[in-house]
PDB file of N, CA and C in Angstrom:
ATOM      1  N   UNK A   1     -16.926  -8.134   9.356  1.00  0.00           N
ATOM      2  CA  UNK A   1     -16.385  -6.679   8.830  1.00  0.00           C
ATOM      3  C   UNK A   1     -16.195  -5.926  10.955  1.00  0.00           C
ATOM      4  N   UNK A   2     -14.886  -6.053  11.445  1.00  0.00           N
ATOM      5  CA  UNK A   2     -14.712  -5.754  12.810  1.00  0.00           C
ATOM      6  C   UNK A   2     -16.194  -4.518  13.016  1.00  0.00           C
ATOM      7  N   UNK A   3     -16.483  -4.384  14.228  1.00  0.00           N
ATOM      8  CA  UNK A   3     -17.343  -3.045  14.532  1.00  0.00           C
ATOM      9  C   UNK A   3     -16.752  -1.701  14.772  1.00  0.00           C
ATOM     10  N   UNK A   4     -15.172  -2.420  14.775  1.00  0.00           N
ATOM     11  CA  UNK A   4     -15.077  -0.929  15.379  1.00  0.00           C
ATOM     12  C   UNK A   4     -14.343  -0.591  13.211  1.00  0.00           C
ATOM     13  N   UNK A   5     -15.114  -0.870  13.319  1.00  0.00           N
ATOM     14  CA  UNK A   5     -14.524   0.413  11.117  1.00  0.00           C
ATOM     15  C   UNK A   5     -16.098   0.282  11.297  1.00  0.00           C
ATOM     16  N   UNK A   6     -16.474   0.332  11.682  1.00  0.00           N
ATOM     17  CA  UNK A   6     -17.750   0.453  10.855  1.00  0.00           C
ATOM     18  C   UNK A   6     -17.932   2.048  12.369  1.00  0.00           C
ATOM     19  N   UNK A   7     -17.723   2.043  13.607  1.00  0.00           N
ATOM     20  CA  UNK A   7     -18.174   3.597  14.398  1.00  0.00           C
ATOM     21  C   UNK A   7     -19.417   3.539  14.033  1.00  0.00           C
ATOM     22  N   UNK A   8     -20.010   2.649  14.455  1.00  0.00           N
ATOM     23  CA  UNK A   8     -21.617   2.754  14.991  1.00  0.00           C
ATOM     24  C   UNK A   8     -21.885   3.589  16.337  1.00  0.00           C
ATOM     25  N   UNK A   9     -20.831   4.099  17.100  1.00  0.00           N
ATOM     26  CA  UNK A   9     -21.397   5.158  17.714  1.00  0.00           C
ATOM     27  C   UNK A   9     -21.056   6.654  17.160  1.00  0.00           C
ATOM     28  N   UNK A  10     -20.422   6.806  16.523  1.00  0.00           N
ATOM     29  CA  UNK A  10     -20.442   7.902  15.884  1.00  0.00           C
ATOM     30  C   UNK A  10     -21.690   8.296  14.497  1.00  0.00           C
ATOM     31  N   UNK A  11     -22.308   7.457  13.832  1.00  0.00           N
ATOM     32  CA  UNK A  11     -23.132   7.383  12.588  1.00  0.00           C
ATOM     33  C   UNK A  11     -23.867   6.793  13.827  1.00  0.00           C
ATOM     34  N   UNK A  12     -25.643   7.243  13.712  1.00  0.00           N
ATOM     35  CA  UNK A  12     -26.488   7.025  13.830  1.00  0.00           C
ATOM     36  C   UNK A  12     -27.663   6.484  12.682  1.00  0.00           C
ATOM     37  N   UNK A  13     -27.470   6.970  11.467  1.00  0.00           N
ATOM     38  CA  UNK A  13     -27.863   6.158  10.420  1.00  0.00           C
ATOM     39  C   UNK A  13     -26.915   4.776  10.515  1.00  0.00           C
ATOM     40  N   UNK A  14     -25.860   4.671  10.320  1.00  0.00           N
ATOM     41  CA  UNK A  14     -25.098   3.723  10.127  1.00  0.00           C
ATOM     42  C   UNK A  14     -26.493   2.455  11.011  1.00  0.00           C
ATOM     43  N   UNK A  15     -25.953   2.819  12.688  1.00  0.00           N
ATOM     44  CA  UNK A  15     -26.576   1.641  13.702  1.00  0.00           C
ATOM     45  C   UNK A  15     -27.461   1.618  13.157  1.00  0.00           C
ATOM     46  N   UNK A  16     -28.239   2.271  12.718  1.00  0.00           N
ATOM     47  CA  UNK A  16     -29.797   1.963  12.445  1.00  0.00           C
ATOM     48  C   UNK A  16     -30.076   1.117  11.264  1.00  0.00           C
ATOM     49  N   UNK A  17     -29.223   1.715  11.148  1.00  0.00           N
ATOM     50  CA  UNK A  17     -28.914   0.442   9.487  1.00  0.00           C
ATOM     51  C   UNK A  17     -29.058  -0.639   9.503  1.00  0.00           C
ATOM     52  N   UNK A  18     -27.754  -1.087  10.477  1.00  0.00           N
ATOM     53  CA  UNK A  18     -27.111  -2.295  10.770  1.00  0.00           C
ATOM     54  C   UNK A  18     -28.140  -2.591  11.806  1.00  0.00           C
ATOM     55  N   UNK A  19     -28.758  -2.646  13.187  1.00  0.00           N
ATOM     56  CA  UNK A  19     -30.814  -2.635  13.993  1.00  0.00           C
ATOM     57  C   UNK A  19     -30.992  -3.258  12.636  1.00  0.00           C
ATOM     58  N   UNK A  20     -31.160  -2.230  12.183  1.00  0.00           N
ATOM     59  CA  UNK A  20     -32.963  -3.128  11.101  1.00  0.00           C
ATOM     60  C   UNK A  20     -32.545  -4.431  11.033  1.00  0.00           C
ATOM     61  N   UNK A  21     -30.788  -4.731  10.348  1.00  0.00           N
ATOM     62  CA  UNK A  21     -31.006  -5.452   9.467  1.00  0.00           C
ATOM     63  C   UNK A  21     -30.758  -6.502  10.047  1.00  0.00           C
ATOM     64  N   UNK A  22     -30.402  -6.541  11.060  1.00  0.00           N
ATOM     65  CA  UNK A  22     -29.594  -7.425  11.879  1.00  0.00           C
ATOM     66  C   UNK A  22     -31.156  -7.677  12.260  1.00  0.00           C
ATOM     67  N   UNK A  23     -32.081  -6.954  12.865  1.00  0.00           N
ATOM     68  CA  UNK A  23     -33.587  -7.428  13.561  1.00  0.00           C
ATOM     69  C   UNK A  23     -34.065  -8.367  12.008  1.00  0.00           C
ATOM     70  N   UNK A  24     -34.316  -8.354  11.115  1.00  0.00           N
ATOM     71  CA  UNK A  24     -34.572  -8.795   9.913  1.00  0.00           C
ATOM     72  C   UNK A  24     -33.942  -9.598   9.145  1.00  0.00           C
ATOM     73  N   UNK A  25     -32.504 -10.577  10.453  1.00  0.00           N
ATOM     74  CA  UNK A  25     -31.796 -11.342  10.247  1.00  0.00           C
ATOM     75  C   UNK A  25     -31.523 -11.652   8.528  1.00  0.00           C
ATOM     76  N   UNK A  26     -31.387  -9.895   8.321  1.00  0.00           N
ATOM     77  CA  UNK A  26     -30.082  -9.938   6.849  1.00  0.00           C
ATOM     78  C   UNK A  26     -28.358  -9.824   7.502  1.00  0.00           C
ATOM     79  N   UNK A  27     -28.646  -9.451   8.657  1.00  0.00           N
ATOM     80  CA  UNK A  27     -26.986  -9.835   9.170  1.00  0.00           C
ATOM     81  C   UNK A  27     -27.160  -9.985  10.453  1.00  0.00           C
ATOM     82  N   UNK A  28     -25.880 -10.605  10.975  1.00  0.00           N
ATOM     83  CA  UNK A  28     -25.549 -11.098  12.643  1.00  0.00           C
ATOM     84  C   UNK A  28     -24.403 -10.797  13.179  1.00  0.00           C
ATOM     85  N   UNK A  29     -25.084 -10.023  14.027  1.00  0.00           N
ATOM     86  CA  UNK A  29     -23.578  -9.031  14.572  1.00  0.00           C
ATOM     87  C   UNK A  29     -23.453  -9.576  15.948  1.00  0.00           C
ATOM     88  N   UNK A  30     -22.572 -10.118  16.453  1.00  0.00           N
ATOM     89  CA  UNK A  30     -21.037 -10.202  17.325  1.00  0.00           C
ATOM     90  C   UNK A  30     -20.875  -9.088  18.313  1.00  0.00           C
ATOM     91  N   UNK A  31     -20.470  -9.231  18.829  1.00  0.00           N
ATOM     92  CA  UNK A  31     -19.814  -8.773  19.868  1.00  0.00           C
ATOM     93  C   UNK A  31     -18.870  -7.429  19.289  1.00  0.00           C
ATOM     94  N   UNK A  32     -17.611  -7.937  18.262  1.00  0.00           N
ATOM     95  CA  UNK A  32     -17.011  -8.019  16.948  1.00  0.00           C
ATOM     96  C   UNK A  32     -17.008  -7.865  16.200  1.00  0.00           C
ATOM     97  N   UNK A  33     -17.864  -8.716  15.790  1.00  0.00           N
ATOM     98  CA  UNK A  33     -18.441  -8.390  13.847  1.00  0.00           C
ATOM     99  C   UNK A  33     -19.623  -7.870  13.438  1.00  0.00           C
ATOM    100  N   UNK A  34     -19.377  -7.577  11.984  1.00  0.00           N
ATOM    101  CA  UNK A  34     -21.528  -7.875  11.977  1.00  0.00           C
ATOM    102  C   UNK A  34     -20.456  -8.317  10.443  1.00  0.00           C
ATOM    103  N   UNK A  35     -21.864  -9.678  10.058  1.00  0.00           N
ATOM    104  CA  UNK A  35     -21.707 -10.587   8.786  1.00  0.00           C
ATOM    105  C   UNK A  35     -22.706 -10.410   8.186  1.00  0.00           C
ATOM    106  N   UNK A  36     -23.014 -10.692   6.658  1.00  0.00           N
ATOM    107  CA  UNK A  36     -23.727 -11.016   6.168  1.00  0.00           C
ATOM    108  C   UNK A  36     -24.391 -12.486   6.900  1.00  0.00           C
ATOM    109  N   UNK A  37     -26.127 -12.128   6.890  1.00  0.00           N
ATOM    110  CA  UNK A  37     -26.369 -13.937   7.164  1.00  0.00           C
ATOM    111  C   UNK A  37     -26.230 -14.768   6.567  1.00  0.00           C
ATOM    112  N   UNK A  38     -26.440 -14.347   5.083  1.00  0.00           N
ATOM    113  CA  UNK A  38     -27.649 -15.828   4.263  1.00  0.00           C
ATOM    114  C   UNK A  38     -26.014 -15.146   2.659  1.00  0.00           C
ATOM    115  N   UNK A  39     -25.337 -16.506   3.085  1.00  0.00           N
ATOM    116  CA  UNK A  39     -24.951 -16.433   2.010  1.00  0.00           C
ATOM    117  C   UNK A  39     -25.570 -15.603   0.416  1.00  0.00           C
ATOM    118  N   UNK A  40     -27.209 -16.579   0.785  1.00  0.00           N
ATOM    119  CA  UNK A  40     -27.794 -16.398  -0.212  1.00  0.00           C
ATOM    120  C   UNK A  40     -28.020 -14.751  -0.903  1.00  0.00           C
ATOM    121  N   UNK A  41     -28.314 -14.485   0.305  1.00  0.00           N
ATOM    122  CA  UNK A  41     -27.964 -12.690   0.078  1.00  0.00           C
ATOM    123  C   UNK A  41     -26.899 -11.963  -1.096  1.00  0.00           C
ATOM    124  N   UNK A  42     -25.657 -12.432  -1.170  1.00  0.00           N
ATOM    125  CA  UNK A  42     -24.770 -12.466  -1.658  1.00  0.00           C
ATOM    126  C   UNK A  42     -25.246 -12.806  -3.242  1.00  0.00           C
ATOM    127  N   UNK A  43     -26.003 -13.705  -3.390  1.00  0.00           N
ATOM    128  CA  UNK A  43     -26.153 -14.745  -5.311  1.00  0.00           C
ATOM    129  C   UNK A  43     -27.677 -14.041  -5.702  1.00  0.00           C
ATOM    130  N   UNK A  44     -28.761 -14.284  -4.212  1.00  0.00           N
ATOM    131  CA  UNK A  44     -29.496 -13.469  -5.456  1.00  0.00           C
ATOM    132  C   UNK A  44     -30.399 -12.320  -5.469  1.00  0.00           C
ATOM    133  N   UNK A  45     -29.738 -11.229  -4.453  1.00  0.00           N
ATOM    134  CA  UNK A  45     -29.742 -10.235  -3.962  1.00  0.00           C
ATOM    135  C   UNK A  45     -29.558  -8.847  -5.688  1.00  0.00           C
ATOM    136  N   UNK A  46     -29.672  -8.556  -6.437  1.00  0.00           N
ATOM    137  CA  UNK A  46     -29.310  -8.538  -7.796  1.00  0.00           C
ATOM    138  C   UNK A  46     -28.443  -6.824  -7.366  1.00  0.00           C
ATOM    139  N   UNK A  47     -29.281  -6.331  -6.476  1.00  0.00           N
ATOM    140  CA  UNK A  47     -29.221  -4.612  -6.091  1.00  0.00           C
ATOM    141  C   UNK A  47     -27.453  -4.679  -5.430  1.00  0.00           C
ATOM    142  N   UNK A  48     -27.991  -5.419  -4.275  1.00  0.00           N
ATOM    143  CA  UNK A  48     -27.124  -5.737  -3.568  1.00  0.00           C
ATOM    144  C   UNK A  48     -25.220  -6.399  -4.849  1.00  0.00           C
ATOM    145  N   UNK A  49     -25.337  -7.342  -5.015  1.00  0.00           N
ATOM    146  CA  UNK A  49     -24.586  -7.930  -6.108  1.00  0.00           C
ATOM    147  C   UNK A  49     -23.826  -6.441  -7.138  1.00  0.00           C
ATOM    148  N   UNK A  50     -23.936  -5.714  -7.588  1.00  0.00           N
ATOM    149  CA  UNK A  50     -24.151  -4.781  -7.687  1.00  0.00           C
ATOM    150  C   UNK A  50     -23.377  -3.577  -7.651  1.00  0.00           C
ATOM    151  N   UNK A  51     -24.053  -3.905  -5.959  1.00  0.00           N
ATOM    152  CA  UNK A  51     -23.147  -3.181  -5.146  1.00  0.00           C
ATOM    153  C   UNK A  51     -21.626  -3.171  -4.716  1.00  0.00           C
ATOM    154  N   UNK A  52     -21.933  -4.500  -4.601  1.00  0.00           N
ATOM    155  CA  UNK A  52     -20.410  -4.836  -3.929  1.00  0.00           C
ATOM    156  C   UNK A  52     -19.491  -5.009  -5.531  1.00  0.00           C
ATOM    157  N   UNK A  53     -19.704  -5.600  -6.401  1.00  0.00           N
ATOM    158  CA  UNK A  53     -19.091  -5.285  -8.240  1.00  0.00           C
ATOM    159  C   UNK A  53     -18.818  -3.601  -8.340  1.00  0.00           C
ATOM    160  N   UNK A  54     -19.616  -2.875  -7.653  1.00  0.00           N
ATOM    161  CA  UNK A  54     -19.473  -1.318  -7.811  1.00  0.00           C
ATOM    162  C   UNK A  54     -17.915  -0.680  -7.365  1.00  0.00           C
ATOM    163  N   UNK A  55     -18.238  -1.209  -5.983  1.00  0.00           N
ATOM    164  CA  UNK A  55     -16.926  -1.459  -4.757  1.00  0.00           C
ATOM    165  C   UNK A  55     -15.929  -2.235  -4.814  1.00  0.00           C
ATOM    166  N   UNK A  56     -15.725  -3.307  -5.828  1.00  0.00           N
ATOM    167  CA  UNK A  56     -14.574  -4.197  -5.992  1.00  0.00           C
ATOM    168  C   UNK A  56     -12.997  -3.177  -5.208  1.00  0.00           C
ATOM    169  N   UNK A  57     -13.122  -2.892  -6.245  1.00  0.00           N
ATOM    170  CA  UNK A  57     -11.857  -1.935  -5.716  1.00  0.00           C
ATOM    171  C   UNK A  57     -11.612  -1.355  -4.984  1.00  0.00           C
ATOM    172  N   UNK A  58     -12.795  -0.286  -4.508  1.00  0.00           N
ATOM    173  CA  UNK A  58     -12.407   0.249  -2.929  1.00  0.00           C
ATOM    174  C   UNK A  58     -12.109  -0.180  -1.802  1.00  0.00           C
ATOM    175  N   UNK A  59     -12.721  -1.965  -1.664  1.00  0.00           N
ATOM    176  CA  UNK A  59     -12.401  -2.822  -0.594  1.00  0.00           C
ATOM    177  C   UNK A  59     -11.068  -3.468  -0.624  1.00  0.00           C
ATOM    178  N   UNK A  60     -10.360  -3.845  -1.984  1.00  0.00           N
ATOM    179  CA  UNK A  60      -9.323  -4.515  -2.540  1.00  0.00           C
ATOM    180  C   UNK A  60      -8.151  -2.898  -1.748  1.00  0.00           C
ATOM    181  N   UNK A  61      -8.999  -1.532  -1.472  1.00  0.00           N
ATOM    182  CA  UNK A  61      -7.894  -1.065  -1.071  1.00  0.00           C
ATOM    183  C   UNK A  61      -8.011  -1.273   0.350  1.00  0.00           C
ATOM    184  N   UNK A  62      -8.664  -0.908   1.221  1.00  0.00           N
ATOM    185  CA  UNK A  62      -9.311  -0.858   2.833  1.00  0.00           C
ATOM    186  C   UNK A  62      -8.777  -1.789   3.045  1.00  0.00           C
ATOM    187  N   UNK A  63      -8.699  -3.439   2.532  1.00  0.00           N
ATOM    188  CA  UNK A  63      -7.938  -4.995   3.008  1.00  0.00           C
ATOM    189  C   UNK A  63      -6.194  -3.826   3.095  1.00  0.00           C
ATOM    190  N   UNK A  64      -5.896  -3.768   1.596  1.00  0.00           N
ATOM    191  CA  UNK A  64      -4.599  -3.346   1.282  1.00  0.00           C
ATOM    192  C   UNK A  64      -4.557  -2.570   2.302  1.00  0.00           C
ATOM    193  N   UNK A  65      -4.617  -1.488   2.671  1.00  0.00           N
ATOM    194  CA  UNK A  65      -4.512   0.139   3.712  1.00  0.00           C
ATOM    195  C   UNK A  65      -4.447  -0.736   5.062  1.00  0.00           C
ATOM    196  N   UNK A  66      -5.312  -1.695   5.402  1.00  0.00           N
ATOM    197  CA  UNK A  66      -5.540  -2.153   7.315  1.00  0.00           C
ATOM    198  C   UNK A  66      -4.867  -3.168   7.429  1.00  0.00           C
ATOM    199  N   UNK A  67      -3.651  -4.541   5.802  1.00  0.00           N
ATOM    200  CA  UNK A  67      -2.883  -4.709   6.498  1.00  0.00           C
ATOM    201  C   UNK A  67      -1.631  -4.600   6.510  1.00  0.00           C
ATOM    202  N   UNK A  68      -1.471  -3.672   5.541  1.00  0.00           N
ATOM    203  CA  UNK A  68      -0.226  -2.427   5.116  1.00  0.00           C
ATOM    204  C   UNK A  68      -0.164  -2.460   7.078  1.00  0.00           C
ATOM    205  N   UNK A  69      -1.439  -1.272   7.953  1.00  0.00           N
ATOM    206  CA  UNK A  69      -1.462  -0.397   8.710  1.00  0.00           C
ATOM    207  C   UNK A  69      -0.857  -1.185   9.871  1.00  0.00           C
ATOM    208  N   UNK A  70      -1.723  -2.535  10.100  1.00  0.00           N
ATOM    209  CA  UNK A  70      -0.644  -3.995  10.701  1.00  0.00           C
ATOM    210  C   UNK A  70       0.624  -4.339  10.444  1.00  0.00           C
ATOM    211  N   UNK A  71       1.155  -3.818   9.302  1.00  0.00           N
ATOM    212  CA  UNK A  71       3.463  -4.385   9.112  1.00  0.00           C
ATOM    213  C   UNK A  71       3.215  -3.239   9.607  1.00  0.00           C
ATOM    214  N   UNK A  72       2.953  -2.480  10.028  1.00  0.00           N
ATOM    215  CA  UNK A  72       3.745  -0.775  10.399  1.00  0.00           C
ATOM    216  C   UNK A  72       3.639  -0.472  11.886  1.00  0.00           C
ATOM    217  N   UNK A  73       2.266  -0.972  12.001  1.00  0.00           N
ATOM    218  CA  UNK A  73       2.386  -1.584  13.851  1.00  0.00           C
ATOM    219  C   UNK A  73       2.845  -2.297  14.280  1.00  0.00           C
ATOM    220  N   UNK A  74       2.410  -3.538  14.381  1.00  0.00           N
ATOM    221  CA  UNK A  74       3.744  -4.215  14.724  1.00  0.00           C
ATOM    222  C   UNK A  74       5.369  -3.763  14.202  1.00  0.00           C
ATOM    223  N   UNK A  75       5.400  -3.294  12.844  1.00  0.00           N
ATOM    224  CA  UNK A  75       6.938  -2.894  13.365  1.00  0.00           C
ATOM    225  C   UNK A  75       7.468  -1.604  13.812  1.00  0.00           C
ATOM    226  N   UNK A  76       6.708  -0.980  14.742  1.00  0.00           N
ATOM    227  CA  UNK A  76       6.888   0.406  15.363  1.00  0.00           C
ATOM    228  C   UNK A  76       7.144  -0.110  16.557  1.00  0.00           C
ATOM    229  N   UNK A  77       5.979  -1.322  17.168  1.00  0.00           N
ATOM    230  CA  UNK A  77       5.996  -1.899  18.294  1.00  0.00           C
ATOM    231  C   UNK A  77       7.446  -2.215  19.184  1.00  0.00           C
ATOM    232  N   UNK A  78       8.067  -2.809  17.933  1.00  0.00           N
ATOM    233  CA  UNK A  78       9.540  -3.640  18.810  1.00  0.00           C
ATOM    234  C   UNK A  78      10.959  -3.161  18.928  1.00  0.00           C
TER     235      UNK A  78
END
C-alpha cells in the first residue's frame, strides 16, 4: 500500500502500529510503500484472514475509486 494512502503523519496510532509491526518484521516499510512481509501471514493468521474477508468489498471499492480518480486526473491534465 502506498504510504501516502496511510496518512501516517496525521494518525499517530496508525503510525505507531506500522512502526511496531515493521520492527517485529510483520510489515516491510519502504520509502513509498508498506507491505506484508510474509505471505504466510495471509495464510496462517486466522484473525487477519477474517479481517481481510470482512473488508473485501471495501478494498475492491477503494481500488475502483483510486483507478477512476487516476483516469479522471489524466483526462483533466490533457
